[in-house]
Protein backbone atom coordinates (compact mmCIF):
# COMPACT_ATOMS: atom_id res chain seq x y z
CA UNK A 1 0.00 0.00 0.00
CA UNK A 2 1.25 3.47 -0.88
CA UNK A 3 1.98 5.96 1.85
CA UNK A 4 -0.60 8.72 2.40
CA UNK A 5 1.80 11.38 1.07
CA UNK A 6 3.02 9.55 -2.03
CA UNK A 7 2.52 11.03 -5.48
CA UNK A 8 0.26 8.11 -6.49
CA UNK A 9 -2.00 8.61 -3.47
CA UNK A 10 -2.30 12.37 -4.02
CA UNK A 11 -2.98 11.83 -7.73
CA UNK A 12 -5.61 9.18 -6.97
CA UNK A 13 -7.39 11.43 -4.47
CA UNK A 14 -7.27 14.67 -6.47
CA UNK A 15 -7.11 13.43 -10.04
CA UNK A 16 -4.30 15.93 -10.49
CA UNK A 17 -2.37 15.45 -13.72
CA UNK A 18 0.33 17.98 -12.80
CA UNK A 19 2.03 15.27 -10.77
CA UNK A 20 2.64 13.34 -13.99
CA UNK A 21 5.04 16.03 -15.14
CA UNK A 22 6.36 16.89 -11.68
CA UNK A 23 7.14 20.42 -12.75
CA UNK A 24 6.11 23.83 -11.52
CA UNK A 25 5.11 24.98 -15.01
CA UNK A 26 2.77 22.02 -15.40
CA UNK A 27 1.35 22.58 -11.94
CA UNK A 28 0.65 26.22 -12.78
CA UNK A 29 -0.95 25.31 -16.09
CA UNK A 30 -3.21 22.67 -14.57
CA UNK A 31 -3.94 24.50 -11.31
CA UNK A 32 -4.02 28.26 -11.89
CA UNK A 33 -7.26 28.65 -9.98
CA UNK A 34 -5.96 26.55 -7.09
CA UNK A 35 -2.79 28.65 -6.87
CA UNK A 36 -4.82 31.87 -6.79
CA UNK A 37 -7.07 30.38 -4.10
CA UNK A 38 -3.99 29.34 -2.15
CA UNK A 39 -2.79 32.94 -2.25
CA UNK A 40 -6.11 34.15 -0.83
CA UNK A 41 -5.95 31.49 1.88
CA UNK A 42 -2.43 32.54 2.85
CA UNK A 43 -3.60 36.16 3.15
CA UNK A 44 -6.60 35.09 5.24
CA UNK A 45 -4.39 33.00 7.53
CA UNK A 46 -1.89 35.83 7.85
CA UNK A 47 -4.65 38.27 8.75
CA UNK A 48 -6.07 35.88 11.33
CA UNK A 49 -2.62 35.21 12.81
CA UNK A 50 -1.80 38.92 13.03
CA UNK A 51 -5.12 39.54 14.78
CA UNK A 52 -4.44 36.76 17.29
CA UNK A 53 -0.92 38.00 18.03
CA UNK A 54 -2.00 41.62 18.51
CA UNK A 55 -5.21 40.59 20.31
CA UNK A 56 -7.38 42.62 17.93
CA UNK A 57 -10.16 41.54 15.60
CA UNK A 58 -9.14 42.30 12.03
CA UNK A 59 -11.67 42.00 9.24
CA UNK A 60 -10.24 40.17 6.26
CA UNK A 61 -11.67 39.63 2.79
CA UNK A 62 -13.30 36.37 3.86
CA UNK A 63 -15.60 38.20 6.30
CA UNK A 64 -17.31 40.25 3.60
CA UNK A 65 -20.81 39.27 2.59
CA UNK A 66 -19.88 38.99 -1.09
CA UNK A 67 -16.91 36.62 -0.62
CA UNK A 68 -18.71 33.23 -0.87
CA UNK A 69 -20.90 34.08 -3.90
CA UNK A 70 -17.93 35.73 -5.64
CA UNK A 71 -15.78 32.63 -5.08
CA UNK A 72 -18.54 30.41 -6.45
CA UNK A 73 -18.96 32.64 -9.50
CA UNK A 74 -15.22 32.67 -10.22
CA UNK A 75 -15.01 28.87 -9.97
CA UNK A 76 -18.07 28.43 -12.23
CA UNK A 77 -16.70 30.83 -14.86
CA UNK A 78 -13.28 29.14 -14.70
CA UNK A 79 -14.68 25.66 -15.30
CA UNK A 80 -16.71 26.88 -18.27
CA UNK A 81 -14.02 29.14 -19.78
CA UNK A 82 -11.26 26.55 -19.68
CA UNK A 83 -13.36 24.16 -21.77
CA UNK A 84 -14.47 26.58 -24.49
CA UNK A 85 -12.95 25.72 -27.89
CA UNK A 86 -12.15 29.34 -28.84
CA UNK A 87 -8.74 31.00 -28.80
CA UNK A 88 -7.15 32.22 -26.49
CA UNK A 89 -9.12 29.97 -24.12
CA UNK A 90 -7.81 26.84 -25.83
CA UNK A 91 -4.53 27.37 -23.95
CA UNK A 92 -6.44 26.73 -20.71
CA UNK A 93 -7.83 23.38 -21.87
CA UNK A 94 -6.59 20.48 -19.81
């Protein structure tokens, strides 16, 4: 049995084809939306951590009323746009 952190296990759980190429360029091409989301999560965690250290409540982007519907809209548009057969969107096709 493969270890829980092996490439095969991660690929089986996520269906991620970037691990086939094992390169940063391939990971960016296949996961642009995930990398942007990771950036937002890092900012949210940093904001939360700073608030905990300074003992103040700091409002981050994730506390705004529009954040969840905006995230859903961006994900929906991304999944449609990357599968459209028109240039320049064909470069996003996976």
